[in-house]
Amino acid sequence: MPLNNVTFSGSTGQFAAGDLRIFPKFYLSDRDSKTQFAIIPELRLPTGDPMLFTSDAGPGFGIAAALEHDFGAWSLAMNAGYRAAPSAQFNIIDYRNRLPISVGAHIPFAPRWALNIEGAAAVLLPFDEYQTPSDLYAGLNWRISDELVATGGGAVGTFNSISSGNYRVAFGLRFTPFSTDTSGPALPATVAKKEAPESVPAIEPAPAAQPLQDAL
């Protein structure tokens, strides 16, 4: 659930919650394969405020496919899918049907540190370049232990005729108390790196002036 600082012209900023997203990730490929394929269903609950453009004003759903490849020194992830929000129509803004897409990279540079970068967009259907928000994210991934990983970073959104520049800061923490690897108690290095929360599915862009406050 995102927390937004919303500011309108001539008024002071205020914090407001966004819509809660629930998105499990199901891997369909072999755990030890360098190329991984996954399906990510999504449920969005209207916990935000439509008057502040932090909500789709109703429940929504979607599904995405993820393709990940480990190149050894770094890994790449790509997501693409469909998102429906039947109530997300506000005056000239129409976000009822979108195609979320993103490309991200995970680049280790120290034994426990890595750089995460991601570009993401939500393509409006039918296509309208002025209502297709996108943003660029960059952050750090710190593997505290095999069970605990922390992430943090920031993003800047697009500027166009119906949205202002959007800035966001994101932090995450993943705790895995046990491993499903049957080869031993320690995760292989490549698997541990892949299980660190990539920016692509876990962090969604939140362009300003759009009800979704996205990020795919």
Protein backbone atom coordinates (compact mmCIF):
# COMPACT_ATOMS: atom_id res chain seq x y z
CA MET A 1 0.00 0.00 0.00
CA PRO A 2 1.64 3.29 -1.07
CA LEU A 3 1.60 6.44 1.08
CA ASN A 4 1.40 9.59 -1.06
CA ASN A 5 2.12 13.25 -0.39
CA VAL A 6 -0.48 15.03 -2.54
CA THR A 7 -0.20 18.74 -3.32
CA PHE A 8 -2.65 20.79 -5.38
CA SER A 9 -1.94 24.27 -6.71
CA GLY A 10 -2.43 26.85 -3.97
CA SER A 11 -2.70 24.31 -1.15
CA THR A 12 -0.37 22.57 1.27
CA GLY A 13 0.58 18.94 0.82
CA GLN A 14 -1.19 16.13 2.63
CA PHE A 15 -0.44 12.44 3.08
CA ALA A 16 -2.94 9.92 1.72
CA ALA A 17 -2.92 6.15 1.31
CA GLY A 18 -3.17 4.63 -2.14
CA ASP A 19 -4.91 1.47 -3.29
CA LEU A 20 -3.72 -1.77 -1.70
CA ARG A 21 -2.24 -4.27 -4.20
CA ILE A 22 -1.99 -8.02 -3.58
CA PHE A 23 0.11 -9.86 -6.17
CA PRO A 24 1.46 -13.39 -5.60
CA LYS A 25 4.16 -14.59 -7.99
CA PHE A 26 4.08 -18.14 -9.36
CA TYR A 27 7.24 -19.47 -11.01
CA LEU A 28 6.57 -21.98 -13.80
CA SER A 29 10.16 -22.86 -14.70
CA ASP A 30 12.80 -24.96 -12.96
CA ARG A 31 14.22 -23.29 -9.85
CA ASP A 32 17.84 -23.75 -10.98
CA SER A 33 17.31 -22.53 -14.54
CA LYS A 34 19.05 -19.30 -15.57
CA THR A 35 15.86 -18.26 -17.40
CA GLN A 36 12.77 -18.03 -15.22
CA PHE A 37 9.14 -17.55 -16.29
CA ALA A 38 6.42 -16.49 -13.85
CA ILE A 39 2.75 -15.50 -13.76
CA ILE A 40 1.66 -12.65 -11.46
CA PRO A 41 -2.09 -12.23 -10.80
CA GLU A 42 -3.09 -8.96 -9.12
CA LEU A 43 -5.97 -7.77 -6.97
CA ARG A 44 -6.36 -4.06 -6.17
CA LEU A 45 -8.54 -2.89 -3.28
CA PRO A 46 -9.91 0.71 -3.20
CA THR A 47 -8.21 1.90 0.00
CA GLY A 48 -7.16 5.27 -1.48
CA ASP A 49 -9.06 8.54 -2.00
CA PRO A 50 -10.38 9.20 -5.53
CA MET A 51 -10.70 12.92 -4.76
CA LEU A 52 -6.94 13.05 -4.23
CA PHE A 53 -6.25 10.85 -7.29
CA THR A 54 -4.76 8.11 -5.11
CA SER A 55 -7.38 5.49 -5.96
CA ASP A 56 -9.09 3.82 -8.91
CA ALA A 57 -12.40 4.48 -7.09
CA GLY A 58 -13.24 0.80 -7.04
CA PRO A 59 -11.72 -2.69 -7.04
CA GLY A 60 -9.50 -3.78 -9.91
CA PHE A 61 -7.70 -6.85 -11.12
CA GLY A 62 -5.01 -7.87 -13.56
CA ILE A 63 -2.45 -10.43 -14.58
CA ALA A 64 1.13 -10.17 -15.83
CA ALA A 65 3.83 -12.44 -17.19
CA ALA A 66 7.42 -12.09 -16.04
CA LEU A 67 10.56 -13.24 -17.83
CA GLU A 68 13.86 -13.20 -15.93
CA HIS A 69 17.35 -14.19 -17.03
CA ASP A 70 20.53 -14.51 -14.99
CA PHE A 71 23.58 -13.43 -16.99
CA GLY A 72 25.96 -14.29 -14.14
CA ALA A 73 27.30 -10.82 -13.34
CA TRP A 74 23.81 -9.31 -13.52
CA SER A 75 20.19 -10.28 -14.16
CA LEU A 76 17.36 -8.85 -16.25
CA ALA A 77 13.59 -8.98 -15.67
CA MET A 78 10.73 -8.00 -17.99
CA ASN A 79 7.03 -7.79 -17.10
CA ALA A 80 3.97 -7.28 -19.31
CA GLY A 81 0.30 -7.76 -18.59
CA TYR A 82 -3.22 -6.36 -18.43
CA ARG A 83 -4.92 -4.34 -15.69
CA ALA A 84 -8.66 -3.61 -15.47
CA ALA A 85 -10.19 -0.94 -13.22
CA PRO A 86 -13.88 -0.51 -14.18
CA SER A 87 -14.35 2.67 -12.07
CA ALA A 88 -11.13 4.49 -13.01
CA GLN A 89 -12.66 7.21 -15.16
CA PHE A 90 -12.29 10.83 -14.06
CA ASN A 91 -13.43 13.59 -16.43
CA ILE A 92 -11.00 13.32 -19.39
CA ILE A 93 -8.78 10.78 -17.61
CA ASP A 94 -9.64 7.16 -18.42
CA TYR A 95 -7.56 4.40 -16.82
CA ARG A 96 -10.08 1.55 -17.02
CA ASN A 97 -7.94 -0.61 -19.31
CA ARG A 98 -4.15 -0.56 -19.31
CA LEU A 99 -1.16 -2.65 -20.31
CA PRO A 100 1.52 -2.39 -17.60
CA ILE A 101 5.04 -3.04 -18.91
CA SER A 102 8.44 -2.78 -17.25
CA VAL A 103 12.08 -3.71 -17.70
CA GLY A 104 14.48 -3.90 -14.77
CA ALA A 105 18.06 -4.94 -14.04
CA HIS A 106 19.70 -6.28 -10.86
CA ILE A 107 23.45 -5.51 -10.84
CA PRO A 108 25.56 -6.74 -7.89
CA PHE A 109 28.64 -4.64 -7.13
CA ALA A 110 29.69 -5.97 -3.69
CA PRO A 111 29.22 -9.26 -1.78
CA ARG A 112 25.94 -8.10 -0.21
CA TRP A 113 25.03 -5.05 -2.30
CA ALA A 114 23.36 -4.63 -5.68
CA LEU A 115 21.91 -1.87 -7.82
CA ASN A 116 18.30 -2.11 -9.03
CA ILE A 117 17.16 0.00 -12.01
CA GLU A 118 13.77 -0.09 -13.74
CA GLY A 119 11.77 1.66 -16.41
CA ALA A 120 7.99 1.16 -16.32
CA ALA A 121 4.86 2.41 -18.06
CA ALA A 122 1.11 1.76 -18.09
CA VAL A 123 -0.08 1.94 -21.70
CA LEU A 124 -3.65 3.15 -22.01
CA LEU A 125 -6.16 1.19 -24.13
CA PRO A 126 -7.00 2.52 -26.67
CA PHE A 127 -3.52 4.02 -26.94
CA ASP A 128 -3.14 7.66 -25.87
CA GLU A 129 0.42 8.91 -25.38
CA TYR A 130 -0.76 11.77 -23.16
CA GLN A 131 -2.40 9.37 -20.73
CA THR A 132 0.37 6.78 -20.64
CA PRO A 133 2.34 7.47 -17.44
CA SER A 134 5.84 6.12 -17.00
CA ASP A 135 8.75 6.49 -14.63
CA LEU A 136 12.38 5.53 -14.02
CA TYR A 137 13.46 3.93 -10.73
CA ALA A 138 16.93 3.40 -9.23
CA GLY A 139 17.74 1.89 -5.85
CA LEU A 140 19.97 -0.35 -3.75
CA ASN A 141 19.52 -3.94 -2.65
CA TRP A 142 21.22 -4.97 0.63
CA ARG A 143 21.30 -8.68 1.48
CA ILE A 144 21.60 -8.54 5.26
CA SER A 145 21.57 -12.33 5.48
CA ASP A 146 20.27 -15.29 3.48
CA GLU A 147 16.91 -14.73 5.18
CA LEU A 148 16.68 -10.92 5.17
CA VAL A 149 16.95 -8.44 2.27
CA ALA A 150 16.36 -4.68 2.39
CA THR A 151 15.75 -2.39 -0.60
CA GLY A 152 15.46 1.36 -1.02
CA GLY A 153 15.47 3.89 -3.83
CA GLY A 154 13.67 6.66 -5.67
CA ALA A 155 11.94 7.37 -8.98
CA VAL A 156 10.96 10.27 -11.19
CA GLY A 157 7.84 10.22 -13.39
CA THR A 158 6.92 11.67 -16.73
CA PHE A 159 5.93 15.24 -17.54
CA ASN A 160 3.09 15.73 -20.01
CA SER A 161 -0.01 17.85 -20.61
CA ILE A 162 -2.22 16.14 -17.99
CA SER A 163 0.26 15.12 -15.31
CA SER A 164 2.98 16.85 -13.37
CA GLY A 165 6.37 15.42 -12.53
CA ASN A 166 6.02 12.69 -9.95
CA TYR A 167 8.72 11.78 -7.43
CA ARG A 168 8.67 8.83 -5.10
CA VAL A 169 10.81 7.11 -2.48
CA ALA A 170 10.35 3.38 -1.88
CA PHE A 171 11.62 1.04 0.84
CA GLY A 172 11.09 -2.69 1.19
CA LEU A 173 12.04 -5.57 3.45
CA ARG A 174 11.83 -9.29 2.60
CA PHE A 175 12.10 -11.98 5.27
CA THR A 176 12.39 -15.64 4.24
CA PRO A 177 12.57 -17.78 7.41
CA PHE A 178 13.18 -21.01 5.48
CA SER A 179 14.43 -22.23 2.13
CA THR A 180 12.70 -24.65 -0.25
CA ASP A 181 16.09 -25.69 -1.68
CA THR A 182 16.58 -29.38 -0.89
CA SER A 183 20.31 -29.41 -1.68
CA GLY A 184 21.27 -27.97 1.69
CA PRO A 185 20.61 -25.16 4.19
CA ALA A 186 22.30 -22.45 2.11
CA LEU A 187 20.83 -21.03 -1.06
CA PRO A 188 22.97 -21.14 -4.21
CA ALA A 189 24.38 -17.72 -5.06
CA THR A 190 22.39 -17.38 -8.27
CA VAL A 191 19.11 -18.34 -6.59
CA ALA A 192 19.69 -15.99 -3.65
CA LYS A 193 20.32 -13.15 -6.07
CA LYS A 194 17.17 -13.90 -8.06
CA GLU A 195 15.03 -14.09 -4.93
CA ALA A 196 16.11 -10.65 -3.76
CA PRO A 197 13.08 -8.42 -4.45
CA GLU A 198 13.56 -7.10 -7.98
CA SER A 199 12.15 -3.67 -8.58
CA VAL A 200 10.02 -4.84 -11.47
CA PRO A 201 7.11 -6.70 -9.85
CA ALA A 202 7.42 -5.43 -6.31
CA ILE A 203 7.61 -1.70 -6.87
CA GLU A 204 5.10 -0.06 -9.02
CA PRO A 205 5.42 3.43 -10.60
CA ALA A 206 3.12 6.08 -9.18
CA PRO A 207 2.84 8.92 -11.69
CA ALA A 208 1.18 12.02 -10.28
CA ALA A 209 -2.29 13.16 -11.27
CA GLN A 210 -3.40 9.65 -12.08
CA PRO A 211 -5.81 7.77 -9.80
CA LEU A 212 -3.82 4.58 -9.86
CA GLN A 213 -0.61 5.96 -8.32
CA ASP A 214 1.10 3.21 -10.21
CA ALA A 215 3.84 1.31 -10.54
CA LEU A 216 3.94 -1.89 -12.10
